Structure formats: structure tokens, C-alpha cells
Amino acid sequence: MATTNSITTTYAGEFAGQYISAALLSGSTLDNGLITVKPNIKFKEVLKKVASDDIVKDATCDFDPTSTLTLTERVLQPDFQQVNLQLCKADFHNDWEAVQMGYSAFDSLPPSFADFLIGHVASKVAQRTEQSIWNGAAATADQFGGFKELLLADADVTDVAASTVTSGNVIAQIGSVVDAIGSSLYTSEDMYIYVSQNVARAYVRALGGFATNVGAAGINADGTQWYTGGTLSFDGIKIAVANGLADNTMVAAEKSNLYFGTGLLADHNEVKVIDMADIDGSQNVRVVMRFTAGVQYGIGSDIVLYS
């Protein structure tokens, strides 16, 4: 059975030669390298954690193994996911690009539409993956368990109660996250505060002069024009906008403590368009993607969750 196609264009005049899809969330977390990617996981990978007590002791003449070393583990097990679409070429015979299909009864999908479809499917997968990385629920179909779900279930994670973030309180709210970061992590080079889009927008607006403790004209007296899409930081800690985070959510963690696991990274960019005419004699074209994805973290006590 073919995927339902709704073609609402009218075949009159000349086609402009461009397909437009709705704006999609960018897969910013993976595109910008904001977490550690662990490829080549066929089924699962075990992440070993090492914890020790105070190992430095007063010296003696004897070997005295009084320190404690504890090994525990977390399992990173990516979920198997897929995209399966089927289109009937006959649906395009009366559409704008019928000529591109050729004049033979054994025609093909319009090339420009096929190219667009490949990009559109890959973008939709990137969007869903971004959302699942941060806000996915393991029990929900078509998702994998995201960081928020995992962190909420871990008593070792430092929790900070969230408020509705605005330009008037955003500095205090981000400050509460920074205050909860352990002193040994504060100066870590790969420490990030991952924030949702609404938190980032509020912070940019606050620094533009819309918060009483910043000043009426904002950064460099540029007002709302101070920000041109560059990097953000707070008290020396890098801020990363994670498009998949739900509103009013922040996570403070080292990049090296957050993991994304998959089989082959290339699977996330490979969209196969299969013309079934030579296989079963039908007019169908199938669009296929198969990939694996999942997340895990290492040490919960080194993470702050604002939620």
C-alpha cells in the first residue's frame, strides 16, 4: 500500500523548479559536536565508571592498600529505527513535473522531486533524533530514551527546580545552575550549559538591556542588536542551545560525560530511493532509511539538571 500522497497543486503555467518544505529543527547537538559520539555499536556498549575514596595517605614503610576503588557500569544500547515511504508514480502524471518523468510508460519519479525528497527525509530524521536525544521517552513509539528522562531517574544527579524563564529572571535562573556545579568541574574545558531555545532567547534579550541588572543599553550599548548569532557564555561557562530540549530546561555537564551511540554515522545520511518497476513490475517507488540511535551518560553526580 502506497504512502498517502496529497497533491494539491494545479497544472497551469510553468513550474518554478523548487520544492519548499516546512522549517525543520536543526539537529544542532550532533551537527555542532556538543556531545561525545560513539559510533560502530552493533548492539550495546558498556561504559565503565571508576570511583575512589581519598587515595592519598600518610606514608609508611609497608604497602598498605587501604584505599577503595569501585567499578560500576552504564549500558549504551542504541534503538533500531527506520523510515519507510512508498509513492506511486502515477500520482505525478498530471502534476507540474510530468515531462521530467519521460514519455515512456516505464517512467521514473521526477528527478527534482526525488532529490528534494531525499533531503527532506534526512532533515526530518535529524529533527526527530535531536528531539529524542534530549526529550525522548523510551516508552513512546518512534523515540528513544533521552537525557532528561535518564537524568530524572538518577538520584545522583543534582536537580535544580525550574521556573518559567523570562528576560527578567534568566540571569538568576542560569546562575542557579552554575551555583550547583561542583567546584572540581567549574573550570573544566568541556563543561557546557545546554539550554532550551526559550532560555537562550531570554538570555540574549536580557543582555540587550531588557533586564534591570544589565543596563538599559545592554552589551556595548548596542541594545537588541548586540547579538549576531555568535557563541554565548555565562560566568566563563559555554552555553549550547540544544534544540531538542523542552522549554525551561537546562543541563550542565561535560561534553565528555554525555554520549550518543549509533552503528554507522553514515546511516543517518543515507536515504535509498528504490524504483520497484524492475523488481515487481509496479509503479511504486520506495524511500528507505535504517539507522540506530541512543544516548547515555557516565557520572550522574557530575551533572546538573534544571527541570
C-alpha atoms as a PDB file:
ATOM      1  CA  MET A   1       0.000   0.000   0.000  1.00  0.00           C
ATOM      2  CA  ALA A   2       1.464   3.355  -1.019  1.00  0.00           C
ATOM      3  CA  THR A   3       2.107   6.178   1.390  1.00  0.00           C
ATOM      4  CA  THR A   4      -0.808   8.630   1.213  1.00  0.00           C
ATOM      5  CA  ASN A   5       0.095  11.461  -1.190  1.00  0.00           C
ATOM      6  CA  SER A   6      -1.808  14.707  -1.173  1.00  0.00           C
ATOM      7  CA  ILE A   7      -1.031  16.682  -4.343  1.00  0.00           C
ATOM      8  CA  THR A   8      -2.950  19.961  -4.258  1.00  0.00           C
ATOM      9  CA  THR A   9      -1.138  21.920  -6.968  1.00  0.00           C
ATOM     10  CA  THR A  10      -2.844  22.969 -10.207  1.00  0.00           C
ATOM     11  CA  TYR A  11      -1.213  22.104 -13.508  1.00  0.00           C
ATOM     12  CA  ALA A  12      -1.276  25.530 -15.182  1.00  0.00           C
ATOM     13  CA  GLY A  13       1.633  27.700 -16.249  1.00  0.00           C
ATOM     14  CA  GLU A  14       5.303  26.941 -15.673  1.00  0.00           C
ATOM     15  CA  PHE A  15       6.725  25.259 -12.577  1.00  0.00           C
ATOM     16  CA  ALA A  16       9.300  27.377 -10.758  1.00  0.00           C
ATOM     17  CA  GLY A  17      11.528  24.342 -10.212  1.00  0.00           C
ATOM     18  CA  GLN A  18      11.713  24.468  -6.431  1.00  0.00           C
ATOM     19  CA  TYR A  19      10.078  22.447  -3.691  1.00  0.00           C
ATOM     20  CA  ILE A  20       9.650  24.030  -0.268  1.00  0.00           C
ATOM     21  CA  SER A  21       9.094  22.131   2.992  1.00  0.00           C
ATOM     22  CA  ALA A  22       8.121  23.430   6.404  1.00  0.00           C
ATOM     23  CA  ALA A  23      11.012  24.730   8.530  1.00  0.00           C
ATOM     24  CA  LEU A  24      12.622  21.876  10.435  1.00  0.00           C
ATOM     25  CA  LEU A  25      14.506  21.868  13.713  1.00  0.00           C
ATOM     26  CA  SER A  26      18.205  21.545  13.039  1.00  0.00           C
ATOM     27  CA  GLY A  27      19.987  18.591  14.572  1.00  0.00           C
ATOM     28  CA  SER A  28      22.199  21.063  16.416  1.00  0.00           C
ATOM     29  CA  THR A  29      23.514  18.700  19.074  1.00  0.00           C
ATOM     30  CA  LEU A  30      25.189  16.323  16.629  1.00  0.00           C
ATOM     31  CA  ASP A  31      25.888  18.871  13.893  1.00  0.00           C
ATOM     32  CA  ASN A  32      27.818  21.089  16.301  1.00  0.00           C
ATOM     33  CA  GLY A  33      29.577  18.262  18.132  1.00  0.00           C
ATOM     34  CA  LEU A  34      28.055  19.182  21.502  1.00  0.00           C
ATOM     35  CA  ILE A  35      28.166  15.655  22.944  1.00  0.00           C
ATOM     36  CA  THR A  36      30.511  12.696  22.541  1.00  0.00           C
ATOM     37  CA  VAL A  37      29.604  10.426  19.618  1.00  0.00           C
ATOM     38  CA  LYS A  38      30.368   6.720  19.938  1.00  0.00           C
ATOM     39  CA  PRO A  39      29.939   5.053  16.533  1.00  0.00           C
ATOM     40  CA  ASN A  40      30.261   1.395  15.484  1.00  0.00           C
ATOM     41  CA  ILE A  41      27.994  -0.003  18.200  1.00  0.00           C
ATOM     42  CA  LYS A  42      26.307  -3.083  16.731  1.00  0.00           C
ATOM     43  CA  PHE A  43      24.136  -3.901  19.764  1.00  0.00           C
ATOM     44  CA  LYS A  44      25.308  -2.328  23.012  1.00  0.00           C
ATOM     45  CA  GLU A  45      28.417  -0.872  24.618  1.00  0.00           C
ATOM     46  CA  VAL A  46      29.315  -0.899  28.294  1.00  0.00           C
ATOM     47  CA  LEU A  47      30.606   2.356  29.775  1.00  0.00           C
ATOM     48  CA  LYS A  48      32.835   1.661  32.776  1.00  0.00           C
ATOM     49  CA  LYS A  49      32.763   4.113  35.691  1.00  0.00           C
ATOM     50  CA  VAL A  50      35.574   4.317  38.239  1.00  0.00           C
ATOM     51  CA  ALA A  51      35.086   5.827  41.711  1.00  0.00           C
ATOM     52  CA  SER A  52      37.604   6.008  44.547  1.00  0.00           C
ATOM     53  CA  ASP A  53      37.886   7.432  48.037  1.00  0.00           C
ATOM     54  CA  ASP A  54      40.779   9.632  49.218  1.00  0.00           C
ATOM     55  CA  ILE A  55      43.679   7.631  47.830  1.00  0.00           C
ATOM     56  CA  VAL A  56      46.466   9.813  49.273  1.00  0.00           C
ATOM     57  CA  LYS A  57      47.541   8.510  52.703  1.00  0.00           C
ATOM     58  CA  ASP A  58      50.377   9.158  55.150  1.00  0.00           C
ATOM     59  CA  ALA A  59      53.488   7.234  54.113  1.00  0.00           C
ATOM     60  CA  THR A  60      54.594   4.096  55.972  1.00  0.00           C
ATOM     61  CA  CYS A  61      57.377   1.550  55.471  1.00  0.00           C
ATOM     62  CA  ASP A  62      54.865  -1.101  54.350  1.00  0.00           C
ATOM     63  CA  PHE A  63      52.497  -1.475  51.436  1.00  0.00           C
ATOM     64  CA  ASP A  64      49.100  -0.666  52.936  1.00  0.00           C
ATOM     65  CA  PRO A  65      46.208  -0.975  50.419  1.00  0.00           C
ATOM     66  CA  THR A  66      43.624   0.925  52.440  1.00  0.00           C
ATOM     67  CA  SER A  67      42.035   2.907  49.617  1.00  0.00           C
ATOM     68  CA  THR A  68      38.791   1.883  47.929  1.00  0.00           C
ATOM     69  CA  LEU A  69      38.289   1.602  44.184  1.00  0.00           C
ATOM     70  CA  THR A  70      34.793   0.923  42.847  1.00  0.00           C
ATOM     71  CA  LEU A  71      33.956  -0.080  39.287  1.00  0.00           C
ATOM     72  CA  THR A  72      30.398   0.269  38.004  1.00  0.00           C
ATOM     73  CA  GLU A  73      28.936   0.491  34.517  1.00  0.00           C
ATOM     74  CA  ARG A  74      26.270   2.005  32.314  1.00  0.00           C
ATOM     75  CA  VAL A  75      24.986   0.432  29.132  1.00  0.00           C
ATOM     76  CA  LEU A  76      24.612   2.393  25.898  1.00  0.00           C
ATOM     77  CA  GLN A  77      22.185   0.468  23.697  1.00  0.00           C
ATOM     78  CA  PRO A  78      21.029   2.280  20.551  1.00  0.00           C
ATOM     79  CA  ASP A  79      17.493   1.659  19.294  1.00  0.00           C
ATOM     80  CA  PHE A  80      16.842   0.437  15.759  1.00  0.00           C
ATOM     81  CA  GLN A  81      14.747   2.913  13.756  1.00  0.00           C
ATOM     82  CA  GLN A  82      13.626   3.245  10.162  1.00  0.00           C
ATOM     83  CA  VAL A  83      11.845   5.342   7.563  1.00  0.00           C
ATOM     84  CA  ASN A  84       9.617   3.514   5.033  1.00  0.00           C
ATOM     85  CA  LEU A  85       7.728   5.540   2.421  1.00  0.00           C
ATOM     86  CA  GLN A  86       6.066   4.361  -0.788  1.00  0.00           C
ATOM     87  CA  LEU A  87       4.956   6.607  -3.633  1.00  0.00           C
ATOM     88  CA  CYS A  88       3.048   5.719  -6.778  1.00  0.00           C
ATOM     89  CA  LYS A  89       4.485   7.338  -9.907  1.00  0.00           C
ATOM     90  CA  ALA A  90       1.002   7.543 -11.412  1.00  0.00           C
ATOM     91  CA  ASP A  91       0.143  10.239  -8.859  1.00  0.00           C
ATOM     92  CA  PHE A  92       2.600  12.575 -10.626  1.00  0.00           C
ATOM     93  CA  HIS A  93       1.366  12.090 -14.210  1.00  0.00           C
ATOM     94  CA  ASN A  94      -0.882  15.159 -14.048  1.00  0.00           C
ATOM     95  CA  ASP A  95       1.414  17.272 -11.896  1.00  0.00           C
ATOM     96  CA  TRP A  96       3.896  20.030 -12.714  1.00  0.00           C
ATOM     97  CA  GLU A  97       6.849  17.776 -13.455  1.00  0.00           C
ATOM     98  CA  ALA A  98       5.198  15.073 -15.575  1.00  0.00           C
ATOM     99  CA  VAL A  99       7.513  15.856 -18.506  1.00  0.00           C
ATOM    100  CA  GLN A 100      10.578  15.122 -16.360  1.00  0.00           C
ATOM    101  CA  MET A 101       9.281  11.586 -15.851  1.00  0.00           C
ATOM    102  CA  GLY A 102       9.827  10.773 -19.525  1.00  0.00           C
ATOM    103  CA  TYR A 103       7.313   9.791 -22.201  1.00  0.00           C
ATOM    104  CA  SER A 104       7.622   6.025 -21.777  1.00  0.00           C
ATOM    105  CA  ALA A 105       5.020   4.071 -19.833  1.00  0.00           C
ATOM    106  CA  PHE A 106       8.030   2.829 -17.840  1.00  0.00           C
ATOM    107  CA  ASP A 107       8.684   6.242 -16.345  1.00  0.00           C
ATOM    108  CA  SER A 108      10.545   7.369 -13.220  1.00  0.00           C
ATOM    109  CA  LEU A 109       9.934   9.745 -10.341  1.00  0.00           C
ATOM    110  CA  PRO A 110      10.601  13.402 -11.301  1.00  0.00           C
ATOM    111  CA  PRO A 111      14.341  13.887 -10.591  1.00  0.00           C
ATOM    112  CA  SER A 112      13.994  17.262  -8.874  1.00  0.00           C
ATOM    113  CA  PHE A 113      11.300  15.879  -6.582  1.00  0.00           C
ATOM    114  CA  ALA A 114      13.395  12.785  -5.824  1.00  0.00           C
ATOM    115  CA  ASP A 115      16.353  14.998  -4.852  1.00  0.00           C
ATOM    116  CA  PHE A 116      14.131  17.149  -2.671  1.00  0.00           C
ATOM    117  CA  LEU A 117      12.577  14.101  -1.021  1.00  0.00           C
ATOM    118  CA  ILE A 118      15.981  12.683  -0.075  1.00  0.00           C
ATOM    119  CA  GLY A 119      16.957  15.937   1.635  1.00  0.00           C
ATOM    120  CA  HIS A 120      13.565  16.304   3.288  1.00  0.00           C
ATOM    121  CA  VAL A 121      13.614  12.789   4.752  1.00  0.00           C
ATOM    122  CA  ALA A 122      17.167  13.233   6.080  1.00  0.00           C
ATOM    123  CA  SER A 123      16.172  16.544   7.692  1.00  0.00           C
ATOM    124  CA  LYS A 124      13.107  15.009   9.333  1.00  0.00           C
ATOM    125  CA  VAL A 125      15.273  12.235  10.768  1.00  0.00           C
ATOM    126  CA  ALA A 126      17.754  14.822  12.100  1.00  0.00           C
ATOM    127  CA  GLN A 127      14.883  16.691  13.750  1.00  0.00           C
ATOM    128  CA  ARG A 128      13.423  13.607  15.417  1.00  0.00           C
ATOM    129  CA  THR A 129      16.863  12.467  16.571  1.00  0.00           C
ATOM    130  CA  GLU A 130      17.571  15.895  18.097  1.00  0.00           C
ATOM    131  CA  GLN A 131      14.278  15.790  19.997  1.00  0.00           C
ATOM    132  CA  SER A 132      14.840  12.242  21.245  1.00  0.00           C
ATOM    133  CA  ILE A 133      18.413  12.955  22.378  1.00  0.00           C
ATOM    134  CA  TRP A 134      17.162  15.416  24.967  1.00  0.00           C
ATOM    135  CA  ASN A 135      13.460  14.861  25.493  1.00  0.00           C
ATOM    136  CA  GLY A 136      12.761  11.354  24.205  1.00  0.00           C
ATOM    137  CA  ALA A 137      10.712   8.841  26.194  1.00  0.00           C
ATOM    138  CA  ALA A 138      11.719   5.185  25.926  1.00  0.00           C
ATOM    139  CA  ALA A 139       8.111   4.023  26.341  1.00  0.00           C
ATOM    140  CA  THR A 140       6.879   6.210  23.471  1.00  0.00           C
ATOM    141  CA  ALA A 141       6.811   4.696  19.993  1.00  0.00           C
ATOM    142  CA  ASP A 142       9.308   6.067  17.471  1.00  0.00           C
ATOM    143  CA  GLN A 143      11.523   7.606  20.198  1.00  0.00           C
ATOM    144  CA  PHE A 144      14.450   6.510  22.346  1.00  0.00           C
ATOM    145  CA  GLY A 145      15.009   7.490  25.960  1.00  0.00           C
ATOM    146  CA  GLY A 146      16.610  10.933  26.107  1.00  0.00           C
ATOM    147  CA  PHE A 147      18.901  12.615  28.603  1.00  0.00           C
ATOM    148  CA  LYS A 148      16.106  14.317  30.536  1.00  0.00           C
ATOM    149  CA  GLU A 149      14.330  11.025  31.196  1.00  0.00           C
ATOM    150  CA  LEU A 150      17.575   9.311  32.205  1.00  0.00           C
ATOM    151  CA  LEU A 151      18.727  12.140  34.467  1.00  0.00           C
ATOM    152  CA  LEU A 152      15.380  12.474  36.257  1.00  0.00           C
ATOM    153  CA  ALA A 153      15.624   8.812  37.259  1.00  0.00           C
ATOM    154  CA  ASP A 154      19.110   9.173  38.777  1.00  0.00           C
ATOM    155  CA  ALA A 155      19.299  10.323  42.393  1.00  0.00           C
ATOM    156  CA  ASP A 156      22.993  11.173  41.953  1.00  0.00           C
ATOM    157  CA  VAL A 157      22.166  13.980  39.513  1.00  0.00           C
ATOM    158  CA  THR A 158      21.927  17.442  41.095  1.00  0.00           C
ATOM    159  CA  ASP A 159      18.403  18.730  40.498  1.00  0.00           C
ATOM    160  CA  VAL A 160      17.514  22.420  40.379  1.00  0.00           C
ATOM    161  CA  ALA A 161      13.830  23.368  40.423  1.00  0.00           C
ATOM    162  CA  ALA A 162      12.793  25.213  37.269  1.00  0.00           C
ATOM    163  CA  SER A 163      10.736  28.357  36.792  1.00  0.00           C
ATOM    164  CA  THR A 164       9.227  29.910  33.703  1.00  0.00           C
ATOM    165  CA  VAL A 165      12.289  31.663  32.291  1.00  0.00           C
ATOM    166  CA  THR A 166      11.935  35.259  31.069  1.00  0.00           C
ATOM    167  CA  SER A 167      14.361  38.015  30.157  1.00  0.00           C
ATOM    168  CA  GLY A 168      13.789  39.429  33.645  1.00  0.00           C
ATOM    169  CA  ASN A 169      14.845  36.318  35.577  1.00  0.00           C
ATOM    170  CA  VAL A 170      17.041  34.388  33.153  1.00  0.00           C
ATOM    171  CA  ILE A 171      20.326  35.549  34.671  1.00  0.00           C
ATOM    172  CA  ALA A 172      19.248  34.412  38.121  1.00  0.00           C
ATOM    173  CA  GLN A 173      17.990  31.088  36.735  1.00  0.00           C
ATOM    174  CA  ILE A 174      21.151  30.278  34.798  1.00  0.00           C
ATOM    175  CA  GLY A 175      23.066  31.412  37.868  1.00  0.00           C
ATOM    176  CA  SER A 176      21.274  28.809  39.984  1.00  0.00           C
ATOM    177  CA  VAL A 177      22.540  26.127  37.600  1.00  0.00           C
ATOM    178  CA  VAL A 178      26.109  27.444  37.747  1.00  0.00           C
ATOM    179  CA  ASP A 179      25.970  27.580  41.542  1.00  0.00           C
ATOM    180  CA  ALA A 180      25.052  23.878  41.607  1.00  0.00           C
ATOM    181  CA  ILE A 181      28.071  22.814  39.519  1.00  0.00           C
ATOM    182  CA  GLY A 182      30.743  21.112  41.601  1.00  0.00           C
ATOM    183  CA  SER A 183      33.917  23.083  42.237  1.00  0.00           C
ATOM    184  CA  SER A 184      36.041  20.422  40.536  1.00  0.00           C
ATOM    185  CA  LEU A 185      34.008  20.797  37.326  1.00  0.00           C
ATOM    186  CA  TYR A 186      33.601  24.563  37.118  1.00  0.00           C
ATOM    187  CA  THR A 187      36.874  25.111  35.240  1.00  0.00           C
ATOM    188  CA  SER A 188      36.592  22.011  33.041  1.00  0.00           C
ATOM    189  CA  GLU A 189      37.331  22.894  29.410  1.00  0.00           C
ATOM    190  CA  ASP A 190      34.451  20.841  28.042  1.00  0.00           C
ATOM    191  CA  MET A 191      31.811  21.974  30.546  1.00  0.00           C
ATOM    192  CA  TYR A 192      28.641  23.259  28.874  1.00  0.00           C
ATOM    193  CA  ILE A 193      25.296  24.593  29.977  1.00  0.00           C
ATOM    194  CA  TYR A 194      22.837  23.112  27.483  1.00  0.00           C
ATOM    195  CA  VAL A 195      19.747  25.311  27.295  1.00  0.00           C
ATOM    196  CA  SER A 196      16.407  25.199  25.502  1.00  0.00           C
ATOM    197  CA  GLN A 197      15.584  27.759  22.842  1.00  0.00           C
ATOM    198  CA  ASN A 198      13.369  29.872  25.087  1.00  0.00           C
ATOM    199  CA  VAL A 199      16.146  30.163  27.691  1.00  0.00           C
ATOM    200  CA  ALA A 200      18.648  31.227  25.013  1.00  0.00           C
ATOM    201  CA  ARG A 201      16.262  33.840  23.605  1.00  0.00           C
ATOM    202  CA  ALA A 202      15.591  35.236  27.073  1.00  0.00           C
ATOM    203  CA  TYR A 203      19.324  35.446  27.815  1.00  0.00           C
ATOM    204  CA  VAL A 204      20.074  37.241  24.527  1.00  0.00           C
ATOM    205  CA  ARG A 205      17.269  39.715  25.211  1.00  0.00           C
ATOM    206  CA  ALA A 206      18.416  40.286  28.780  1.00  0.00           C
ATOM    207  CA  LEU A 207      21.938  41.096  27.610  1.00  0.00           C
ATOM    208  CA  GLY A 208      20.422  43.502  25.124  1.00  0.00           C
ATOM    209  CA  GLY A 209      19.282  45.693  28.002  1.00  0.00           C
ATOM    210  CA  PHE A 210      15.935  44.165  28.948  1.00  0.00           C
ATOM    211  CA  ALA A 211      16.982  43.150  32.445  1.00  0.00           C
ATOM    212  CA  THR A 212      17.454  45.667  35.235  1.00  0.00           C
ATOM    213  CA  ASN A 213      20.829  44.296  36.280  1.00  0.00           C
ATOM    214  CA  VAL A 214      22.369  44.586  32.785  1.00  0.00           C
ATOM    215  CA  GLY A 215      21.763  48.196  31.902  1.00  0.00           C
ATOM    216  CA  ALA A 216      19.342  49.991  29.651  1.00  0.00           C
ATOM    217  CA  ALA A 217      21.502  49.814  26.528  1.00  0.00           C
ATOM    218  CA  GLY A 218      22.847  46.279  27.006  1.00  0.00           C
ATOM    219  CA  ILE A 219      26.158  44.882  25.798  1.00  0.00           C
ATOM    220  CA  ASN A 220      28.391  47.613  24.305  1.00  0.00           C
ATOM    221  CA  ALA A 221      25.334  49.875  24.316  1.00  0.00           C
ATOM    222  CA  ASP A 222      24.050  48.038  21.207  1.00  0.00           C
ATOM    223  CA  GLY A 223      20.625  47.247  22.641  1.00  0.00           C
ATOM    224  CA  THR A 224      18.819  44.374  20.922  1.00  0.00           C
ATOM    225  CA  GLN A 225      21.288  44.437  18.009  1.00  0.00           C
ATOM    226  CA  TRP A 226      24.232  43.256  20.096  1.00  0.00           C
ATOM    227  CA  TYR A 227      23.790  39.575  19.234  1.00  0.00           C
ATOM    228  CA  THR A 228      24.627  38.351  15.717  1.00  0.00           C
ATOM    229  CA  GLY A 229      24.496  34.601  16.251  1.00  0.00           C
ATOM    230  CA  GLY A 230      27.893  34.040  17.880  1.00  0.00           C
ATOM    231  CA  THR A 231      28.781  31.989  20.924  1.00  0.00           C
ATOM    232  CA  LEU A 232      27.236  32.575  24.335  1.00  0.00           C
ATOM    233  CA  SER A 233      28.717  32.030  27.780  1.00  0.00           C
ATOM    234  CA  PHE A 234      27.794  32.600  31.406  1.00  0.00           C
ATOM    235  CA  ASP A 235      30.379  33.119  34.160  1.00  0.00           C
ATOM    236  CA  GLY A 236      33.002  31.676  31.818  1.00  0.00           C
ATOM    237  CA  ILE A 237      30.998  28.518  31.005  1.00  0.00           C
ATOM    238  CA  LYS A 238      29.992  27.890  27.397  1.00  0.00           C
ATOM    239  CA  ILE A 239      26.269  27.898  26.609  1.00  0.00           C
ATOM    240  CA  ALA A 240      24.983  25.495  23.950  1.00  0.00           C
ATOM    241  CA  VAL A 241      21.489  25.802  22.518  1.00  0.00           C
ATOM    242  CA  ALA A 242      20.013  22.295  22.332  1.00  0.00           C
ATOM    243  CA  ASN A 243      17.023  22.491  20.029  1.00  0.00           C
ATOM    244  CA  GLY A 244      15.611  19.241  21.374  1.00  0.00           C
ATOM    245  CA  LEU A 245      15.336  20.451  24.979  1.00  0.00           C
ATOM    246  CA  ALA A 246      11.844  21.298  26.194  1.00  0.00           C
ATOM    247  CA  ASP A 247      11.185  24.888  27.276  1.00  0.00           C
ATOM    248  CA  ASN A 248      12.571  25.990  30.659  1.00  0.00           C
ATOM    249  CA  THR A 249      15.102  23.146  30.764  1.00  0.00           C
ATOM    250  CA  MET A 250      18.868  23.265  31.236  1.00  0.00           C
ATOM    251  CA  VAL A 251      21.584  20.663  31.686  1.00  0.00           C
ATOM    252  CA  ALA A 252      25.077  21.454  32.940  1.00  0.00           C
ATOM    253  CA  ALA A 253      27.535  18.710  32.060  1.00  0.00           C
ATOM    254  CA  GLU A 254      30.867  17.962  30.469  1.00  0.00           C
ATOM    255  CA  LYS A 255      30.661  17.058  26.805  1.00  0.00           C
ATOM    256  CA  SER A 256      32.830  14.040  27.592  1.00  0.00           C
ATOM    257  CA  ASN A 257      30.166  12.815  30.065  1.00  0.00           C
ATOM    258  CA  LEU A 258      27.306  12.723  27.534  1.00  0.00           C
ATOM    259  CA  TYR A 259      27.256  10.051  24.832  1.00  0.00           C
ATOM    260  CA  PHE A 260      25.362   9.429  21.614  1.00  0.00           C
ATOM    261  CA  GLY A 261      25.669   5.899  20.293  1.00  0.00           C
ATOM    262  CA  THR A 262      24.981   4.566  16.822  1.00  0.00           C
ATOM    263  CA  GLY A 263      26.113   1.915  14.370  1.00  0.00           C
ATOM    264  CA  LEU A 264      27.436   3.759  11.339  1.00  0.00           C
ATOM    265  CA  LEU A 265      27.230   7.552  11.283  1.00  0.00           C
ATOM    266  CA  ALA A 266      26.739   7.319   7.524  1.00  0.00           C
ATOM    267  CA  ASP A 267      23.398   5.560   8.103  1.00  0.00           C
ATOM    268  CA  HIS A 268      21.948   8.870   9.313  1.00  0.00           C
ATOM    269  CA  ASN A 269      22.670  10.446   5.922  1.00  0.00           C
ATOM    270  CA  GLU A 270      21.813   7.550   3.607  1.00  0.00           C
ATOM    271  CA  VAL A 271      18.360   7.712   2.041  1.00  0.00           C
ATOM    272  CA  LYS A 272      17.656   4.994  -0.512  1.00  0.00           C
ATOM    273  CA  VAL A 273      15.153   5.634  -3.314  1.00  0.00           C
ATOM    274  CA  ILE A 274      14.188   2.278  -4.852  1.00  0.00           C
ATOM    275  CA  ASP A 275      12.190   2.096  -8.086  1.00  0.00           C
ATOM    276  CA  MET A 276      10.164  -1.113  -7.810  1.00  0.00           C
ATOM    277  CA  ALA A 277       9.407  -1.359 -11.559  1.00  0.00           C
ATOM    278  CA  ASP A 278      12.283  -3.774 -12.251  1.00  0.00           C
ATOM    279  CA  ILE A 279      11.603  -5.748  -9.071  1.00  0.00           C
ATOM    280  CA  ASP A 280       7.862  -6.388  -9.019  1.00  0.00           C
ATOM    281  CA  GLY A 281       6.641  -4.566 -12.121  1.00  0.00           C
ATOM    282  CA  SER A 282       4.714  -1.976 -10.088  1.00  0.00           C
ATOM    283  CA  GLN A 283       4.559   1.793 -10.408  1.00  0.00           C
ATOM    284  CA  ASN A 284       5.791   2.226  -6.848  1.00  0.00           C
ATOM    285  CA  VAL A 285       8.913   3.974  -5.594  1.00  0.00           C
ATOM    286  CA  ARG A 286      10.121   3.213  -2.072  1.00  0.00           C
ATOM    287  CA  VAL A 287      12.111   5.518   0.180  1.00  0.00           C
ATOM    288  CA  VAL A 288      14.086   3.746   2.898  1.00  0.00           C
ATOM    289  CA  MET A 289      16.307   4.718   5.817  1.00  0.00           C
ATOM    290  CA  ARG A 290      17.605   2.416   8.564  1.00  0.00           C
ATOM    291  CA  PHE A 291      19.746   3.553  11.466  1.00  0.00           C
ATOM    292  CA  THR A 292      20.357   3.153  15.192  1.00  0.00           C
ATOM    293  CA  ALA A 293      20.438   5.856  17.860  1.00  0.00           C
ATOM    294  CA  GLY A 294      20.599   6.121  21.646  1.00  0.00           C
ATOM    295  CA  VAL A 295      22.115   8.192  24.447  1.00  0.00           C
ATOM    296  CA  GLN A 296      23.714   7.575  27.821  1.00  0.00           C
ATOM    297  CA  TYR A 297      25.823   9.490  30.324  1.00  0.00           C
ATOM    298  CA  GLY A 298      28.707   8.488  32.525  1.00  0.00           C
ATOM    299  CA  ILE A 299      28.733  10.011  36.018  1.00  0.00           C
ATOM    300  CA  GLY A 300      25.423  11.367  37.294  1.00  0.00           C
ATOM    301  CA  SER A 301      26.909  13.297  40.201  1.00  0.00           C
ATOM    302  CA  ASP A 302      28.797  15.480  37.699  1.00  0.00           C
ATOM    303  CA  ILE A 303      25.572  16.667  36.037  1.00  0.00           C
ATOM    304  CA  VAL A 304      23.082  19.392  36.972  1.00  0.00           C
ATOM    305  CA  LEU A 305      19.513  19.185  35.681  1.00  0.00           C
ATOM    306  CA  TYR A 306      17.299  22.288  35.713  1.00  0.00           C
ATOM    307  CA  SER A 307      13.803  20.952  35.150  1.00  0.00           C
END
